[in-house]
Amino acid sequence: MLIFITIIFVIETSLNPFLNQLIDGTRSTRVVGADSLWKLYLESLKKEKKFSEHTEQLGGLTRIKDYETKFVNGALSEAEFCYWIGYEFARDVMALESEWFLNKAESLGFVCAETYLMHASNYADEWNDVLHYNEDLSDPQLAFYERKWQESLKKFIASSNDSLAVDNARLQLTGIYAPFGTPIYIMDFAPGAIKKLEDFIKSYSRSLLIEKAYEQLVWWLNETKQFKKLKKVSLEFLKNYPNSSIREYIKFQLGDSYYWTNNYHRAKTILQEIKIDSFPQSVYPGWRKDYIIELISKLLDEIKKKE
């Protein structure tokens, strides 16, 4: 009997070595010989076809090889290729890496409205990282990143023809602070966030993002225990936007406001009327549907104890 043994060799390829070195350099913010690395990276793509494989090791990046292939095939210029790598890093919340590639693309002559939007995203990420790790509201880096963030968003608004994206940029301008990142500073940023969200709602009542603005506003009001104002805002929303996809979520906020202002009967009535199946899967800033349902159940149990 002859036994055939088949040996399968699995070759595990990874990032292009020059791209890898360049990325490592941007992470440390000390990019020595970056332009030389970039040149070697492009040459290795064109001459040796050293495409980057398994880029998911960087996080969510999965399309770098596609861009490399398009560049080699002449579908992308060097500046466009650099821009798209920066775009991928911005999408994956990797600000330092993104900034190098975006700046390089701009130095090569490529800039578009979305470039400003990506810069804004990068500055916001850096701002929140500084706050999270340094825990110092007086850190001068915060003022620098916030100024650059605002400038970038305003440049995007002035140059973009995408009305929805412009609306989104306006909504972003209501606050750079990400409460789920460093929640200990919620009270410090609440007054500004609430005021800017109220201004957005007043100025852009017909915006396609009005629901998102209200999601954020009611969250801030609830988190800072401004329950009388929360009740007023919730009633206003339910009156003005009766067919909203977040109607049931706002009803939860309304019921919660009645509970915390000791109107238990009204709170019970509203909470029992909520159509659980109509809840969005999640709302700002990442509240999940199952978590909200659990809160409703707890509130009703507490009301029952008080009856």
C-alpha atoms as a PDB file:
ATOM      1  CA  MET A   1       0.000   0.000   0.000  1.00  0.00           C
ATOM      2  CA  LEU A   2       1.353   3.342  -0.985  1.00  0.00           C
ATOM      3  CA  ILE A   3       0.691   6.221   1.321  1.00  0.00           C
ATOM      4  CA  PHE A   4       0.895   9.657  -0.154  1.00  0.00           C
ATOM      5  CA  ILE A   5       1.552  12.426   2.284  1.00  0.00           C
ATOM      6  CA  THR A   6       0.764  15.891   1.091  1.00  0.00           C
ATOM      7  CA  ILE A   7       2.569  18.676   2.845  1.00  0.00           C
ATOM      8  CA  ILE A   8       0.963  22.074   2.595  1.00  0.00           C
ATOM      9  CA  PHE A   9       3.160  25.060   3.199  1.00  0.00           C
ATOM     10  CA  VAL A  10       1.332  28.136   4.385  1.00  0.00           C
ATOM     11  CA  ILE A  11       3.192  31.317   3.659  1.00  0.00           C
ATOM     12  CA  GLU A  12       2.069  34.019   6.052  1.00  0.00           C
ATOM     13  CA  THR A  13       2.698  37.372   4.435  1.00  0.00           C
ATOM     14  CA  SER A  14       2.185  40.651   6.239  1.00  0.00           C
ATOM     15  CA  LEU A  15       2.625  44.362   5.674  1.00  0.00           C
ATOM     16  CA  ASN A  16       5.026  45.693   3.130  1.00  0.00           C
ATOM     17  CA  PRO A  17       8.202  46.151   5.248  1.00  0.00           C
ATOM     18  CA  PHE A  18       8.666  49.794   4.252  1.00  0.00           C
ATOM     19  CA  LEU A  19       5.048  50.616   5.042  1.00  0.00           C
ATOM     20  CA  ASN A  20       5.475  48.826   8.349  1.00  0.00           C
ATOM     21  CA  GLN A  21       8.521  50.943   9.243  1.00  0.00           C
ATOM     22  CA  LEU A  22       6.756  54.122   8.232  1.00  0.00           C
ATOM     23  CA  ILE A  23       3.738  53.279  10.392  1.00  0.00           C
ATOM     24  CA  ASP A  24       5.945  52.444  13.367  1.00  0.00           C
ATOM     25  CA  GLY A  25       7.620  55.812  12.930  1.00  0.00           C
ATOM     26  CA  THR A  26       4.389  57.772  12.838  1.00  0.00           C
ATOM     27  CA  ARG A  27       3.208  56.080  16.027  1.00  0.00           C
ATOM     28  CA  SER A  28       6.239  57.318  17.898  1.00  0.00           C
ATOM     29  CA  THR A  29       5.909  60.760  16.185  1.00  0.00           C
ATOM     30  CA  ARG A  30       9.613  60.534  15.334  1.00  0.00           C
ATOM     31  CA  VAL A  31       9.594  59.691  11.647  1.00  0.00           C
ATOM     32  CA  VAL A  32      13.260  59.568  10.640  1.00  0.00           C
ATOM     33  CA  GLY A  33      13.801  59.342   6.908  1.00  0.00           C
ATOM     34  CA  ALA A  34      10.062  59.177   6.275  1.00  0.00           C
ATOM     35  CA  ASP A  35      10.247  60.453   2.714  1.00  0.00           C
ATOM     36  CA  SER A  36      12.963  57.905   1.928  1.00  0.00           C
ATOM     37  CA  LEU A  37      10.806  55.134   3.377  1.00  0.00           C
ATOM     38  CA  TRP A  38       7.873  56.341   1.296  1.00  0.00           C
ATOM     39  CA  LYS A  39      10.005  56.240  -1.857  1.00  0.00           C
ATOM     40  CA  LEU A  40      11.251  52.725  -1.042  1.00  0.00           C
ATOM     41  CA  TYR A  41       7.681  51.647  -0.345  1.00  0.00           C
ATOM     42  CA  LEU A  42       6.481  52.843  -3.761  1.00  0.00           C
ATOM     43  CA  GLU A  43       9.455  51.264  -5.540  1.00  0.00           C
ATOM     44  CA  SER A  44       8.884  47.927  -3.833  1.00  0.00           C
ATOM     45  CA  LEU A  45       5.258  48.001  -4.948  1.00  0.00           C
ATOM     46  CA  LYS A  46       6.077  48.796  -8.560  1.00  0.00           C
ATOM     47  CA  LYS A  47       9.172  46.641  -9.019  1.00  0.00           C
ATOM     48  CA  GLU A  48       8.780  43.758  -6.573  1.00  0.00           C
ATOM     49  CA  LYS A  49       4.992  43.682  -6.097  1.00  0.00           C
ATOM     50  CA  LYS A  50       5.365  43.535  -2.299  1.00  0.00           C
ATOM     51  CA  PHE A  51       1.702  44.101  -1.586  1.00  0.00           C
ATOM     52  CA  SER A  52       0.489  44.322   2.019  1.00  0.00           C
ATOM     53  CA  GLU A  53      -1.424  41.282   3.192  1.00  0.00           C
ATOM     54  CA  HIS A  54      -3.433  40.733   6.389  1.00  0.00           C
ATOM     55  CA  THR A  55      -3.593  44.425   7.206  1.00  0.00           C
ATOM     56  CA  GLU A  56      -6.351  43.656   9.702  1.00  0.00           C
ATOM     57  CA  GLN A  57      -3.463  43.273  12.140  1.00  0.00           C
ATOM     58  CA  LEU A  58      -3.491  47.088  12.224  1.00  0.00           C
ATOM     59  CA  GLY A  59      -7.083  47.132  13.411  1.00  0.00           C
ATOM     60  CA  GLY A  60      -9.917  47.547  10.947  1.00  0.00           C
ATOM     61  CA  LEU A  61      -7.739  48.269   7.934  1.00  0.00           C
ATOM     62  CA  THR A  62      -8.569  45.814   5.185  1.00  0.00           C
ATOM     63  CA  ARG A  63      -8.288  47.799   1.937  1.00  0.00           C
ATOM     64  CA  ILE A  64      -4.640  48.846   1.833  1.00  0.00           C
ATOM     65  CA  LYS A  65      -3.765  46.092  -0.645  1.00  0.00           C
ATOM     66  CA  ASP A  66      -6.588  47.238  -2.928  1.00  0.00           C
ATOM     67  CA  TYR A  67      -5.167  50.749  -2.995  1.00  0.00           C
ATOM     68  CA  GLU A  68      -1.660  49.406  -3.563  1.00  0.00           C
ATOM     69  CA  THR A  69      -2.892  47.397  -6.538  1.00  0.00           C
ATOM     70  CA  LYS A  70      -4.721  50.390  -8.007  1.00  0.00           C
ATOM     71  CA  PHE A  71      -1.615  52.514  -7.612  1.00  0.00           C
ATOM     72  CA  VAL A  72       0.588  49.951  -9.378  1.00  0.00           C
ATOM     73  CA  ASN A  73      -1.975  49.648 -12.172  1.00  0.00           C
ATOM     74  CA  GLY A  74      -2.050  53.420 -12.639  1.00  0.00           C
ATOM     75  CA  ALA A  75      -5.585  53.928 -11.346  1.00  0.00           C
ATOM     76  CA  LEU A  76      -4.331  56.160  -8.524  1.00  0.00           C
ATOM     77  CA  SER A  77      -1.667  58.846  -8.563  1.00  0.00           C
ATOM     78  CA  GLU A  78       0.966  58.901  -5.838  1.00  0.00           C
ATOM     79  CA  ALA A  79      -0.860  61.760  -4.074  1.00  0.00           C
ATOM     80  CA  GLU A  80      -4.242  60.011  -4.315  1.00  0.00           C
ATOM     81  CA  PHE A  81      -2.726  56.754  -3.068  1.00  0.00           C
ATOM     82  CA  CYS A  82      -1.232  58.533  -0.059  1.00  0.00           C
ATOM     83  CA  TYR A  83      -4.565  60.236   0.612  1.00  0.00           C
ATOM     84  CA  TRP A  84      -6.477  56.950   0.666  1.00  0.00           C
ATOM     85  CA  ILE A  85      -4.077  55.382   3.138  1.00  0.00           C
ATOM     86  CA  GLY A  86      -4.575  58.438   5.349  1.00  0.00           C
ATOM     87  CA  TYR A  87      -8.315  58.028   4.898  1.00  0.00           C
ATOM     88  CA  GLU A  88      -8.173  54.401   6.046  1.00  0.00           C
ATOM     89  CA  PHE A  89      -6.215  55.300   9.167  1.00  0.00           C
ATOM     90  CA  ALA A  90      -8.634  58.149   9.961  1.00  0.00           C
ATOM     91  CA  ARG A  91     -11.569  55.737   9.661  1.00  0.00           C
ATOM     92  CA  ASP A  92      -9.807  53.359  12.016  1.00  0.00           C
ATOM     93  CA  VAL A  93      -9.228  56.116  14.617  1.00  0.00           C
ATOM     94  CA  MET A  94      -5.446  56.057  14.206  1.00  0.00           C
ATOM     95  CA  ALA A  95      -4.762  59.784  14.204  1.00  0.00           C
ATOM     96  CA  LEU A  96      -0.953  59.897  14.148  1.00  0.00           C
ATOM     97  CA  GLU A  97      -0.694  57.537  11.200  1.00  0.00           C
ATOM     98  CA  SER A  98      -3.482  59.297   9.344  1.00  0.00           C
ATOM     99  CA  GLU A  99      -1.939  62.742   9.766  1.00  0.00           C
ATOM    100  CA  TRP A 100       1.370  61.759   8.189  1.00  0.00           C
ATOM    101  CA  PHE A 101      -0.253  60.336   5.077  1.00  0.00           C
ATOM    102  CA  LEU A 102      -2.757  63.188   4.732  1.00  0.00           C
ATOM    103  CA  ASN A 103      -0.014  65.794   5.094  1.00  0.00           C
ATOM    104  CA  LYS A 104       2.101  63.921   2.561  1.00  0.00           C
ATOM    105  CA  ALA A 105      -0.812  63.799   0.124  1.00  0.00           C
ATOM    106  CA  GLU A 106      -1.324  67.537   0.532  1.00  0.00           C
ATOM    107  CA  SER A 107       2.388  68.220  -0.042  1.00  0.00           C
ATOM    108  CA  LEU A 108       2.056  66.244  -3.276  1.00  0.00           C
ATOM    109  CA  GLY A 109      -0.791  68.501  -4.358  1.00  0.00           C
ATOM    110  CA  PHE A 110      -3.891  66.514  -3.429  1.00  0.00           C
ATOM    111  CA  VAL A 111      -6.512  67.995  -1.103  1.00  0.00           C
ATOM    112  CA  CYS A 112     -10.299  67.776  -1.122  1.00  0.00           C
ATOM    113  CA  ALA A 113     -13.116  68.679   1.234  1.00  0.00           C
ATOM    114  CA  GLU A 114     -12.964  65.290   2.931  1.00  0.00           C
ATOM    115  CA  THR A 115      -9.321  65.932   3.817  1.00  0.00           C
ATOM    116  CA  TYR A 116     -10.448  68.638   6.228  1.00  0.00           C
ATOM    117  CA  LEU A 117     -13.021  66.281   7.712  1.00  0.00           C
ATOM    118  CA  MET A 118     -10.370  63.633   8.327  1.00  0.00           C
ATOM    119  CA  HIS A 119      -8.034  66.179   9.898  1.00  0.00           C
ATOM    120  CA  ALA A 120     -10.882  67.199  12.222  1.00  0.00           C
ATOM    121  CA  SER A 121     -11.453  63.585  13.203  1.00  0.00           C
ATOM    122  CA  ASN A 122      -7.748  63.148  13.931  1.00  0.00           C
ATOM    123  CA  TYR A 123      -7.569  66.303  16.066  1.00  0.00           C
ATOM    124  CA  ALA A 124     -10.664  65.220  18.010  1.00  0.00           C
ATOM    125  CA  ASP A 125      -9.115  61.808  18.671  1.00  0.00           C
ATOM    126  CA  GLU A 126      -5.876  63.392  19.861  1.00  0.00           C
ATOM    127  CA  TRP A 127      -7.789  65.859  22.052  1.00  0.00           C
ATOM    128  CA  ASN A 128      -9.721  63.078  23.767  1.00  0.00           C
ATOM    129  CA  ASP A 129      -6.586  60.965  24.196  1.00  0.00           C
ATOM    130  CA  VAL A 130      -4.752  63.858  25.867  1.00  0.00           C
ATOM    131  CA  LEU A 131      -7.670  64.425  28.241  1.00  0.00           C
ATOM    132  CA  HIS A 132      -8.060  60.736  28.972  1.00  0.00           C
ATOM    133  CA  TYR A 133      -4.400  60.041  29.739  1.00  0.00           C
ATOM    134  CA  ASN A 134      -3.297  63.364  31.249  1.00  0.00           C
ATOM    135  CA  GLU A 135      -6.549  64.186  33.079  1.00  0.00           C
ATOM    136  CA  ASP A 136      -5.649  67.855  33.082  1.00  0.00           C
ATOM    137  CA  LEU A 137      -8.138  70.380  31.714  1.00  0.00           C
ATOM    138  CA  SER A 138      -5.444  73.061  31.667  1.00  0.00           C
ATOM    139  CA  ASP A 139      -3.160  71.093  29.333  1.00  0.00           C
ATOM    140  CA  PRO A 140      -2.242  73.506  26.482  1.00  0.00           C
ATOM    141  CA  GLN A 141      -2.445  70.665  23.969  1.00  0.00           C
ATOM    142  CA  LEU A 142      -6.212  70.603  24.470  1.00  0.00           C
ATOM    143  CA  ALA A 143      -6.591  74.205  23.307  1.00  0.00           C
ATOM    144  CA  PHE A 144      -4.329  73.562  20.316  1.00  0.00           C
ATOM    145  CA  TYR A 145      -6.147  70.431  19.159  1.00  0.00           C
ATOM    146  CA  GLU A 146      -9.576  72.004  19.702  1.00  0.00           C
ATOM    147  CA  ARG A 147      -8.641  75.059  17.644  1.00  0.00           C
ATOM    148  CA  LYS A 148      -7.310  72.895  14.790  1.00  0.00           C
ATOM    149  CA  TRP A 149     -10.415  70.699  15.023  1.00  0.00           C
ATOM    150  CA  GLN A 150     -12.740  73.680  14.697  1.00  0.00           C
ATOM    151  CA  GLU A 151     -10.724  75.161  11.834  1.00  0.00           C
ATOM    152  CA  SER A 152     -10.807  71.869   9.932  1.00  0.00           C
ATOM    153  CA  LEU A 153     -14.557  71.390  10.347  1.00  0.00           C
ATOM    154  CA  LYS A 154     -15.249  74.969   9.246  1.00  0.00           C
ATOM    155  CA  LYS A 155     -13.047  74.491   6.173  1.00  0.00           C
ATOM    156  CA  PHE A 156     -14.994  71.344   5.337  1.00  0.00           C
ATOM    157  CA  ILE A 157     -18.326  73.138   5.728  1.00  0.00           C
ATOM    158  CA  ALA A 158     -17.117  75.930   3.452  1.00  0.00           C
ATOM    159  CA  SER A 159     -15.819  73.594   0.729  1.00  0.00           C
ATOM    160  CA  SER A 160     -18.160  70.587   0.676  1.00  0.00           C
ATOM    161  CA  ASN A 161     -21.140  70.146  -1.642  1.00  0.00           C
ATOM    162  CA  ASP A 162     -22.554  67.267   0.415  1.00  0.00           C
ATOM    163  CA  SER A 163     -25.408  68.811   2.417  1.00  0.00           C
ATOM    164  CA  LEU A 164     -25.792  65.841   4.758  1.00  0.00           C
ATOM    165  CA  ALA A 165     -22.061  65.701   5.487  1.00  0.00           C
ATOM    166  CA  VAL A 166     -22.078  69.462   6.130  1.00  0.00           C
ATOM    167  CA  ASP A 167     -24.961  69.005   8.571  1.00  0.00           C
ATOM    168  CA  ASN A 168     -22.975  66.282  10.296  1.00  0.00           C
ATOM    169  CA  ALA A 169     -19.963  68.592  10.568  1.00  0.00           C
ATOM    170  CA  ARG A 170     -22.163  71.282  12.111  1.00  0.00           C
ATOM    171  CA  LEU A 171     -23.418  68.742  14.624  1.00  0.00           C
ATOM    172  CA  GLN A 172     -19.854  67.685  15.403  1.00  0.00           C
ATOM    173  CA  LEU A 173     -19.050  71.321  16.211  1.00  0.00           C
ATOM    174  CA  THR A 174     -21.398  71.105  19.191  1.00  0.00           C
ATOM    175  CA  GLY A 175     -18.667  69.349  21.146  1.00  0.00           C
ATOM    176  CA  ILE A 176     -15.255  67.727  20.823  1.00  0.00           C
ATOM    177  CA  TYR A 177     -15.550  65.885  24.142  1.00  0.00           C
ATOM    178  CA  ALA A 178     -16.409  62.167  23.945  1.00  0.00           C
ATOM    179  CA  PRO A 179     -18.177  61.375  27.254  1.00  0.00           C
ATOM    180  CA  PHE A 180     -17.738  57.618  26.909  1.00  0.00           C
ATOM    181  CA  GLY A 181     -13.951  58.116  26.754  1.00  0.00           C
ATOM    182  CA  THR A 182     -13.332  60.126  29.920  1.00  0.00           C
ATOM    183  CA  PRO A 183     -16.702  60.354  31.725  1.00  0.00           C
ATOM    184  CA  ILE A 184     -15.289  62.051  34.844  1.00  0.00           C
ATOM    185  CA  TYR A 185     -15.439  65.422  33.080  1.00  0.00           C
ATOM    186  CA  ILE A 186     -19.084  65.298  32.043  1.00  0.00           C
ATOM    187  CA  MET A 187     -20.112  68.120  34.376  1.00  0.00           C
ATOM    188  CA  ASP A 188     -17.318  70.358  33.070  1.00  0.00           C
ATOM    189  CA  PHE A 189     -18.407  70.069  29.442  1.00  0.00           C
ATOM    190  CA  ALA A 190     -22.178  69.731  29.934  1.00  0.00           C
ATOM    191  CA  PRO A 191     -23.090  73.469  29.861  1.00  0.00           C
ATOM    192  CA  GLY A 192     -21.296  74.054  26.569  1.00  0.00           C
ATOM    193  CA  ALA A 193     -22.589  70.866  24.951  1.00  0.00           C
ATOM    194  CA  ILE A 194     -26.186  71.559  25.967  1.00  0.00           C
ATOM    195  CA  LYS A 195     -26.061  75.167  24.759  1.00  0.00           C
ATOM    196  CA  LYS A 196     -24.548  74.252  21.392  1.00  0.00           C
ATOM    197  CA  LEU A 197     -27.014  71.388  20.849  1.00  0.00           C
ATOM    198  CA  GLU A 198     -29.927  73.711  21.634  1.00  0.00           C
ATOM    199  CA  ASP A 199     -28.537  76.225  19.133  1.00  0.00           C
ATOM    200  CA  PHE A 200     -28.189  73.504  16.480  1.00  0.00           C
ATOM    201  CA  ILE A 201     -31.783  72.364  17.040  1.00  0.00           C
ATOM    202  CA  LYS A 202     -33.043  75.939  16.805  1.00  0.00           C
ATOM    203  CA  SER A 203     -31.014  76.775  13.696  1.00  0.00           C
ATOM    204  CA  TYR A 204     -31.415  73.483  11.807  1.00  0.00           C
ATOM    205  CA  SER A 205     -34.847  72.166  12.804  1.00  0.00           C
ATOM    206  CA  ARG A 206     -35.262  70.630   9.337  1.00  0.00           C
ATOM    207  CA  SER A 207     -31.899  68.905   9.383  1.00  0.00           C
ATOM    208  CA  LEU A 208     -31.824  65.196   8.600  1.00  0.00           C
ATOM    209  CA  LEU A 209     -29.706  64.886  11.735  1.00  0.00           C
ATOM    210  CA  ILE A 210     -32.204  66.506  14.081  1.00  0.00           C
ATOM    211  CA  GLU A 211     -32.830  63.154  15.769  1.00  0.00           C
ATOM    212  CA  LYS A 212     -29.141  62.762  16.544  1.00  0.00           C
ATOM    213  CA  ALA A 213     -29.066  66.250  18.033  1.00  0.00           C
ATOM    214  CA  TYR A 214     -31.980  65.411  20.299  1.00  0.00           C
ATOM    215  CA  GLU A 215     -30.424  62.050  21.220  1.00  0.00           C
ATOM    216  CA  GLN A 216     -27.360  63.874  22.444  1.00  0.00           C
ATOM    217  CA  LEU A 217     -29.280  66.666  24.162  1.00  0.00           C
ATOM    218  CA  VAL A 218     -31.566  64.393  26.203  1.00  0.00           C
ATOM    219  CA  TRP A 219     -28.573  62.262  27.194  1.00  0.00           C
ATOM    220  CA  TRP A 220     -26.688  65.294  28.515  1.00  0.00           C
ATOM    221  CA  LEU A 221     -29.764  66.538  30.375  1.00  0.00           C
ATOM    222  CA  ASN A 222     -30.383  63.125  31.927  1.00  0.00           C
ATOM    223  CA  GLU A 223     -26.740  62.620  32.844  1.00  0.00           C
ATOM    224  CA  THR A 224     -26.593  66.010  34.564  1.00  0.00           C
ATOM    225  CA  LYS A 225     -29.951  65.408  36.301  1.00  0.00           C
ATOM    226  CA  GLN A 226     -31.715  68.368  34.691  1.00  0.00           C
ATOM    227  CA  PHE A 227     -35.014  66.502  34.746  1.00  0.00           C
ATOM    228  CA  LYS A 228     -37.382  69.471  34.457  1.00  0.00           C
ATOM    229  CA  LYS A 229     -35.614  70.618  31.331  1.00  0.00           C
ATOM    230  CA  LEU A 230     -35.446  67.020  30.087  1.00  0.00           C
ATOM    231  CA  LYS A 231     -39.225  66.787  30.393  1.00  0.00           C
ATOM    232  CA  LYS A 232     -39.683  70.024  28.448  1.00  0.00           C
ATOM    233  CA  VAL A 233     -37.315  68.971  25.650  1.00  0.00           C
ATOM    234  CA  SER A 234     -38.839  65.472  25.400  1.00  0.00           C
ATOM    235  CA  LEU A 235     -42.393  66.839  25.150  1.00  0.00           C
ATOM    236  CA  GLU A 236     -41.229  69.339  22.526  1.00  0.00           C
ATOM    237  CA  PHE A 237     -39.652  66.573  20.434  1.00  0.00           C
ATOM    238  CA  LEU A 238     -42.669  64.266  20.646  1.00  0.00           C
ATOM    239  CA  LYS A 239     -44.944  67.118  19.541  1.00  0.00           C
ATOM    240  CA  ASN A 240     -42.771  68.285  16.645  1.00  0.00           C
ATOM    241  CA  TYR A 241     -41.531  64.902  15.372  1.00  0.00           C
ATOM    242  CA  PRO A 242     -44.411  62.422  15.898  1.00  0.00           C
ATOM    243  CA  ASN A 243     -43.120  59.935  13.318  1.00  0.00           C
ATOM    244  CA  SER A 244     -39.523  59.894  14.449  1.00  0.00           C
ATOM    245  CA  SER A 245     -37.601  56.610  14.550  1.00  0.00           C
ATOM    246  CA  ILE A 246     -36.426  57.465  18.086  1.00  0.00           C
ATOM    247  CA  ARG A 247     -39.887  58.371  19.380  1.00  0.00           C
ATOM    248  CA  GLU A 248     -40.020  55.466  21.838  1.00  0.00           C
ATOM    249  CA  TYR A 249     -36.547  56.294  23.145  1.00  0.00           C
ATOM    250  CA  ILE A 250     -37.603  59.899  23.805  1.00  0.00           C
ATOM    251  CA  LYS A 251     -40.704  58.573  25.583  1.00  0.00           C
ATOM    252  CA  PHE A 252     -38.351  56.617  27.848  1.00  0.00           C
ATOM    253  CA  GLN A 253     -36.492  59.851  28.615  1.00  0.00           C
ATOM    254  CA  LEU A 254     -39.814  61.576  29.308  1.00  0.00           C
ATOM    255  CA  GLY A 255     -40.931  58.777  31.632  1.00  0.00           C
ATOM    256  CA  ASP A 256     -37.578  58.952  33.399  1.00  0.00           C
ATOM    257  CA  SER A 257     -37.938  62.713  33.867  1.00  0.00           C
ATOM    258  CA  TYR A 258     -41.369  62.255  35.449  1.00  0.00           C
ATOM    259  CA  TYR A 259     -40.005  59.577  37.765  1.00  0.00           C
ATOM    260  CA  TRP A 260     -37.173  61.777  39.047  1.00  0.00           C
ATOM    261  CA  THR A 261     -39.540  64.724  39.564  1.00  0.00           C
ATOM    262  CA  ASN A 262     -41.733  62.440  41.717  1.00  0.00           C
ATOM    263  CA  ASN A 263     -44.673  62.223  39.316  1.00  0.00           C
ATOM    264  CA  TYR A 264     -44.796  58.435  39.571  1.00  0.00           C
ATOM    265  CA  HIS A 265     -48.279  58.000  38.123  1.00  0.00           C
ATOM    266  CA  ARG A 266     -47.392  59.869  34.947  1.00  0.00           C
ATOM    267  CA  ALA A 267     -44.044  58.083  34.724  1.00  0.00           C
ATOM    268  CA  LYS A 268     -45.745  54.686  34.997  1.00  0.00           C
ATOM    269  CA  THR A 269     -48.299  55.545  32.317  1.00  0.00           C
ATOM    270  CA  ILE A 270     -45.665  56.654  29.837  1.00  0.00           C
ATOM    271  CA  LEU A 271     -43.222  53.833  30.514  1.00  0.00           C
ATOM    272  CA  GLN A 272     -45.971  51.227  30.082  1.00  0.00           C
ATOM    273  CA  GLU A 273     -47.002  52.784  26.764  1.00  0.00           C
ATOM    274  CA  ILE A 274     -43.538  52.409  25.255  1.00  0.00           C
ATOM    275  CA  LYS A 275     -43.363  50.058  22.281  1.00  0.00           C
ATOM    276  CA  ILE A 276     -40.197  48.126  23.061  1.00  0.00           C
ATOM    277  CA  ASP A 277     -40.020  46.580  19.589  1.00  0.00           C
ATOM    278  CA  SER A 278     -39.734  50.053  18.064  1.00  0.00           C
ATOM    279  CA  PHE A 279     -36.568  50.967  19.962  1.00  0.00           C
ATOM    280  CA  PRO A 280     -33.459  51.723  17.907  1.00  0.00           C
ATOM    281  CA  GLN A 281     -30.653  49.222  18.544  1.00  0.00           C
ATOM    282  CA  SER A 282     -28.531  51.892  20.179  1.00  0.00           C
ATOM    283  CA  VAL A 283     -28.512  55.616  20.818  1.00  0.00           C
ATOM    284  CA  TYR A 284     -26.020  58.245  21.920  1.00  0.00           C
ATOM    285  CA  PRO A 285     -23.510  57.642  23.336  1.00  0.00           C
ATOM    286  CA  GLY A 286     -23.752  53.914  22.732  1.00  0.00           C
ATOM    287  CA  TRP A 287     -26.742  53.014  24.907  1.00  0.00           C
ATOM    288  CA  ARG A 288     -27.901  49.594  23.769  1.00  0.00           C
ATOM    289  CA  LYS A 289     -31.515  48.597  23.317  1.00  0.00           C
ATOM    290  CA  ASP A 290     -31.336  45.817  25.919  1.00  0.00           C
ATOM    291  CA  TYR A 291     -29.830  48.218  28.466  1.00  0.00           C
ATOM    292  CA  ILE A 292     -32.656  50.736  28.025  1.00  0.00           C
ATOM    293  CA  ILE A 293     -35.271  47.984  28.304  1.00  0.00           C
ATOM    294  CA  GLU A 294     -33.629  46.898  31.552  1.00  0.00           C
ATOM    295  CA  LEU A 295     -33.783  50.479  32.845  1.00  0.00           C
ATOM    296  CA  ILE A 296     -37.495  50.699  32.027  1.00  0.00           C
ATOM    297  CA  SER A 297     -38.131  47.476  33.934  1.00  0.00           C
ATOM    298  CA  LYS A 298     -36.211  48.761  36.956  1.00  0.00           C
ATOM    299  CA  LEU A 299     -38.101  52.067  36.930  1.00  0.00           C
ATOM    300  CA  LEU A 300     -41.451  50.274  36.845  1.00  0.00           C
ATOM    301  CA  ASP A 301     -40.360  48.046  39.728  1.00  0.00           C
ATOM    302  CA  GLU A 302     -39.360  51.107  41.754  1.00  0.00           C
ATOM    303  CA  ILE A 303     -42.681  52.798  40.994  1.00  0.00           C
ATOM    304  CA  LYS A 304     -44.538  49.695  42.140  1.00  0.00           C
ATOM    305  CA  LYS A 305     -42.724  49.844  45.481  1.00  0.00           C
ATOM    306  CA  LYS A 306     -43.798  53.454  45.953  1.00  0.00           C
ATOM    307  CA  GLU A 307     -47.477  52.833  45.190  1.00  0.00           C
END
